[in-house]
C-alpha cells in the first residue's frame, strides 16, 4: 500500500511545486495562457490515448458513456460549489481548473494503485508524463490565485491537499484489489474522461485563450503532439 501511495504522491507532486513557483517567479499572463494551452493539449492526449482505451478495454461503450457523464456531473457540481464560494472571475475561474485537477488526478491515481495491487508493471515514463503535464496545469490557476492575494502558505495548503488526495486514492486503489481481486480501473478512467472534457471546455481552454490568444492554440497542439510522441 505504501508503494502505491508513494507512486501516487510522486506523480502528482509537481502540482505542489509548480503551484508554489508563481509566488517567487513572476509569470506574465500571456505565458500563463500558453502554458495552460500546453497543459490542455497534454490532457486531450491523455483522454484519447490513455484513459479512454483503459475504460473501453474492460467495459462496453454504454457503461463507458454512463461513467463519463457521472464524471461530468461530479465536475459541474464541484465547479458550481467553487463558483458560489469564490465567484466566477479571478480566483473563482482559477479554482475551476483546480477542481479539474482533482477530477483528473484522483481517478488517475486510483488506476495507478490498482495496477500496483494487481502486479501490472508501472511505466515510469507514464508517471514522468503525468508529472510534467501537471506543471502548466498548476501554474495557470496559481498565477491568478496569487494575483488575487493568495500567499505561499495558502497556495501550498491548497495544492498539498490535492496531492495528498491523489496519493490516498492510489492507496485505496491498491486496497481495492485485496477486497475485490477482479477490480479494474475502467470506471475510474471513464469518470476522469468525462470530468476532464467538461473542465477543458468550461475552464482551462477559455482561460488559456483569454490570456495567451492564438498562441495558446499552438501550445495546445504542441502539448498534444509531445504527449503522443512520449506515449
Protein backbone atom coordinates (compact mmCIF):
# COMPACT_ATOMS: atom_id res chain seq x y z
CA UNK A 1 0.00 0.00 0.00
CA UNK A 2 2.83 2.41 0.85
CA UNK A 3 4.35 1.74 -2.56
CA UNK A 4 1.08 2.72 -4.25
CA UNK A 5 0.80 5.81 -2.03
CA UNK A 6 4.36 6.81 -2.96
CA UNK A 7 3.73 6.36 -6.70
CA UNK A 8 0.58 8.47 -6.48
CA UNK A 9 2.42 11.11 -4.46
CA UNK A 10 5.36 11.25 -6.88
CA UNK A 11 3.18 11.53 -9.98
CA UNK A 12 1.19 14.47 -8.60
CA UNK A 13 3.92 16.25 -6.58
CA UNK A 14 4.60 18.63 -9.45
CA UNK A 15 1.20 20.25 -8.77
CA UNK A 16 2.51 21.48 -5.43
CA UNK A 17 5.94 22.50 -6.73
CA UNK A 18 4.61 24.34 -9.78
CA UNK A 19 1.77 25.88 -7.78
CA UNK A 20 4.26 27.46 -5.38
CA UNK A 21 6.64 28.58 -8.13
CA UNK A 22 4.45 31.56 -9.03
CA UNK A 23 4.97 33.01 -5.54
CA UNK A 24 8.64 33.68 -6.33
CA UNK A 25 8.74 33.82 -10.13
CA UNK A 26 6.58 36.35 -11.97
CA UNK A 27 4.87 34.72 -14.94
CA UNK A 28 3.33 37.10 -17.46
CA UNK A 29 -0.38 36.48 -18.28
CA UNK A 30 0.47 35.60 -21.89
CA UNK A 31 2.94 32.94 -20.75
CA UNK A 32 0.35 31.62 -18.29
CA UNK A 33 -2.10 31.29 -21.18
CA UNK A 34 0.43 29.50 -23.35
CA UNK A 35 1.33 27.11 -20.52
CA UNK A 36 -2.35 26.49 -19.89
CA UNK A 37 -2.83 25.66 -23.58
CA UNK A 38 0.10 23.25 -23.46
CA UNK A 39 -1.44 21.53 -20.44
CA UNK A 40 -4.80 21.32 -22.21
CA UNK A 41 -3.18 19.59 -25.18
CA UNK A 42 -1.46 17.08 -22.90
CA UNK A 43 -4.79 16.33 -21.20
CA UNK A 44 -6.56 15.80 -24.53
CA UNK A 45 -3.86 13.29 -25.45
CA UNK A 46 -4.26 11.54 -22.08
CA UNK A 47 -8.02 11.31 -22.61
CA UNK A 48 -7.63 9.97 -26.15
CA UNK A 49 -4.78 7.50 -25.77
CA UNK A 50 -4.67 6.56 -22.09
CA UNK A 51 -7.88 6.99 -20.12
CA UNK A 52 -10.46 6.16 -22.80
CA UNK A 53 -8.68 2.98 -24.01
CA UNK A 54 -8.32 1.92 -20.35
CA UNK A 55 -12.09 2.22 -19.92
CA UNK A 56 -13.08 0.55 -23.18
CA UNK A 57 -10.73 -2.38 -22.59
CA UNK A 58 -12.92 -3.69 -19.76
CA UNK A 59 -16.44 -2.21 -20.06
CA UNK A 60 -18.77 -1.67 -23.02
CA UNK A 61 -19.43 1.67 -24.66
CA UNK A 62 -22.72 2.24 -22.85
CA UNK A 63 -21.09 1.85 -19.45
CA UNK A 64 -18.19 4.00 -20.58
CA UNK A 65 -20.61 6.73 -21.60
CA UNK A 66 -22.53 6.44 -18.32
CA UNK A 67 -19.40 6.82 -16.20
CA UNK A 68 -18.23 9.71 -18.37
CA UNK A 69 -21.48 11.54 -17.65
CA UNK A 70 -21.04 10.81 -13.94
CA UNK A 71 -17.61 12.43 -14.23
CA UNK A 72 -19.19 15.45 -15.92
CA UNK A 73 -21.74 15.71 -13.11
CA UNK A 74 -19.02 15.48 -10.45
CA UNK A 75 -17.08 18.31 -12.08
CA UNK A 76 -20.13 20.54 -12.61
CA UNK A 77 -21.34 20.14 -9.02
CA UNK A 78 -17.86 20.82 -7.61
CA UNK A 79 -17.34 23.74 -10.00
CA UNK A 80 -20.70 25.25 -9.01
CA UNK A 81 -19.72 24.99 -5.36
CA UNK A 82 -16.45 26.78 -6.11
CA UNK A 83 -18.24 29.48 -8.13
CA UNK A 84 -20.66 30.11 -5.25
CA UNK A 85 -17.74 30.32 -2.83
CA UNK A 86 -15.25 32.37 -4.88
CA UNK A 87 -17.28 33.82 -7.77
CA UNK A 88 -16.86 33.14 -11.49
CA UNK A 89 -13.96 35.54 -12.16
CA UNK A 90 -10.39 35.76 -10.86
CA UNK A 91 -9.91 33.25 -8.05
CA UNK A 92 -13.21 31.54 -8.91
CA UNK A 93 -12.21 30.85 -12.50
CA UNK A 94 -8.79 29.60 -11.39
CA UNK A 95 -10.35 27.31 -8.78
CA UNK A 96 -12.40 25.67 -11.52
CA UNK A 97 -9.11 24.45 -13.01
CA UNK A 98 -8.02 23.20 -9.58
CA UNK A 99 -11.27 21.22 -9.35
CA UNK A 100 -10.39 19.74 -12.74
CA UNK A 101 -7.00 18.70 -11.35
CA UNK A 102 -8.78 16.75 -8.62
CA UNK A 103 -11.27 15.15 -11.04
CA UNK A 104 -8.29 14.16 -13.20
CA UNK A 105 -5.76 13.23 -10.53
CA UNK A 106 -7.87 11.16 -8.14
CA UNK A 107 -9.16 8.58 -10.67
CA UNK A 108 -5.78 8.56 -12.41
CA UNK A 109 -4.05 7.81 -9.10
CA UNK A 110 -6.61 5.14 -8.24
CA UNK A 111 -5.77 3.42 -11.53
CA UNK A 112 -2.05 3.50 -10.64
CA UNK A 113 -2.84 1.95 -7.24
CA UNK A 114 -4.89 -0.79 -8.88
CA UNK A 115 -2.03 -1.52 -11.26
CA UNK A 116 0.37 -1.86 -8.31
CA UNK A 117 -2.09 -4.12 -6.50
CA UNK A 118 -2.59 -6.40 -9.49
CA UNK A 119 1.12 -6.64 -10.25
CA UNK A 120 0.97 -4.68 -13.50
CA UNK A 121 4.32 -3.05 -14.24
CA UNK A 122 4.14 0.71 -13.72
CA UNK A 123 5.54 2.66 -16.63
CA UNK A 124 7.86 5.29 -15.18
CA UNK A 125 7.63 7.15 -18.49
CA UNK A 126 3.88 7.46 -17.87
CA UNK A 127 4.49 8.68 -14.31
CA UNK A 128 7.01 11.18 -15.70
CA UNK A 129 4.48 12.33 -18.32
CA UNK A 130 1.86 12.91 -15.61
CA UNK A 131 4.44 14.80 -13.52
CA UNK A 132 5.43 17.08 -16.41
CA UNK A 133 1.88 17.68 -17.71
CA UNK A 134 0.80 18.78 -14.23
CA UNK A 135 3.25 21.71 -14.25
CA UNK A 136 1.33 24.01 -16.62
CA UNK A 137 -1.94 22.73 -15.13
CA UNK A 138 -0.84 24.08 -11.73
CA UNK A 139 0.94 27.25 -12.87
CA UNK A 140 -2.06 28.52 -14.83
CA UNK A 141 -4.57 28.79 -11.93
CA UNK A 142 -1.92 29.53 -9.29
CA UNK A 143 -0.81 32.67 -11.14
CA UNK A 144 -4.36 34.03 -10.96
CA UNK A 145 -4.78 32.98 -7.33
CA UNK A 146 -1.51 34.71 -6.42
CA UNK A 147 -2.69 37.84 -8.25
CA UNK A 148 -5.91 37.67 -6.18
CA UNK A 149 -3.88 37.83 -2.96
CA UNK A 150 -3.18 34.18 -2.19
CA UNK A 151 0.20 33.81 -0.47
CA UNK A 152 2.62 30.84 -0.48
CA UNK A 153 1.10 29.30 2.65
CA UNK A 154 -2.45 29.32 1.31
CA UNK A 155 -1.42 28.10 -2.13
CA UNK A 156 0.78 25.43 -0.56
CA UNK A 157 -2.09 24.14 1.58
CA UNK A 158 -4.40 24.00 -1.44
CA UNK A 159 -2.05 22.02 -3.66
CA UNK A 160 -0.82 19.83 -0.80
CA UNK A 161 -4.41 18.75 -0.16
CA UNK A 162 -4.82 17.92 -3.85
CA UNK A 163 -1.58 15.90 -3.92
CA UNK A 164 -2.44 14.02 -0.71
CA UNK A 165 -5.94 13.25 -2.01
CA UNK A 166 -4.38 11.74 -5.14
CA UNK A 167 -1.85 9.73 -3.13
CA UNK A 168 -4.66 8.46 -0.86
CA UNK A 169 -6.65 7.47 -3.97
CA UNK A 170 -3.66 5.40 -5.15
CA UNK A 171 -3.52 3.65 -1.76
CA UNK A 172 -7.28 2.99 -1.86
CA UNK A 173 -6.95 1.62 -5.39
CA UNK A 174 -4.33 -0.79 -4.10
CA UNK A 175 -6.55 -1.85 -1.17
CA UNK A 176 -9.48 -2.38 -3.55
CA UNK A 177 -7.56 -5.19 -5.25
CA UNK A 178 -7.49 -7.05 -1.92
CA UNK A 179 -11.22 -6.64 -1.35
CA UNK A 180 -12.21 -7.38 -4.96
CA UNK A 181 -9.36 -9.15 -6.80
CA UNK A 182 -11.03 -8.65 -10.18
CA UNK A 183 -11.24 -4.89 -9.86
CA UNK A 184 -10.06 -2.80 -12.80
CA UNK A 185 -9.55 0.91 -13.27
CA UNK A 186 -12.06 1.13 -16.13
CA UNK A 187 -14.86 3.07 -14.42
CA UNK A 188 -12.41 5.46 -12.76
CA UNK A 189 -10.83 6.10 -16.16
CA UNK A 190 -14.21 6.81 -17.80
CA UNK A 191 -15.19 9.11 -14.93
CA UNK A 192 -11.94 11.04 -15.38
CA UNK A 193 -12.58 11.36 -19.13
CA UNK A 194 -15.97 12.99 -18.58
CA UNK A 195 -14.73 15.32 -15.85
CA UNK A 196 -11.69 16.37 -17.87
CA UNK A 197 -13.66 17.10 -21.03
CA UNK A 198 -16.06 19.29 -19.04
CA UNK A 199 -13.20 21.10 -17.30
CA UNK A 200 -11.30 21.68 -20.55
CA UNK A 201 -14.36 23.20 -22.21
CA UNK A 202 -15.58 25.27 -19.27
CA UNK A 203 -12.33 26.33 -17.62
CA UNK A 204 -8.85 25.61 -18.94
CA UNK A 205 -9.23 26.26 -22.68
CA UNK A 206 -11.17 29.56 -22.30
CA UNK A 207 -8.73 30.57 -19.53
CA UNK A 208 -5.76 29.86 -21.82
CA UNK A 209 -7.16 31.64 -24.88
CA UNK A 210 -8.14 34.71 -22.84
CA UNK A 211 -4.54 35.13 -21.69
CA UNK A 212 -2.48 33.55 -24.46
CA UNK A 213 -4.53 34.43 -27.55
CA UNK A 214 -3.85 32.47 -30.73
CA UNK A 215 -0.53 31.23 -29.35
CA UNK A 216 -2.47 29.23 -26.75
CA UNK A 217 -3.93 27.21 -29.62
CA UNK A 218 -0.47 26.49 -30.99
CA UNK A 219 0.66 25.47 -27.49
CA UNK A 220 -2.33 23.12 -27.20
CA UNK A 221 -1.33 21.37 -30.42
CA UNK A 222 2.29 21.18 -29.23
CA UNK A 223 1.26 19.72 -25.86
CA UNK A 224 -0.86 17.12 -27.64
CA UNK A 225 1.88 16.17 -30.10
CA UNK A 226 4.60 15.84 -27.46
CA UNK A 227 2.34 13.73 -25.26
CA UNK A 228 1.55 11.41 -28.18
CA UNK A 229 5.25 11.07 -29.02
CA UNK A 230 6.05 10.15 -25.40
CA UNK A 231 3.16 7.69 -25.02
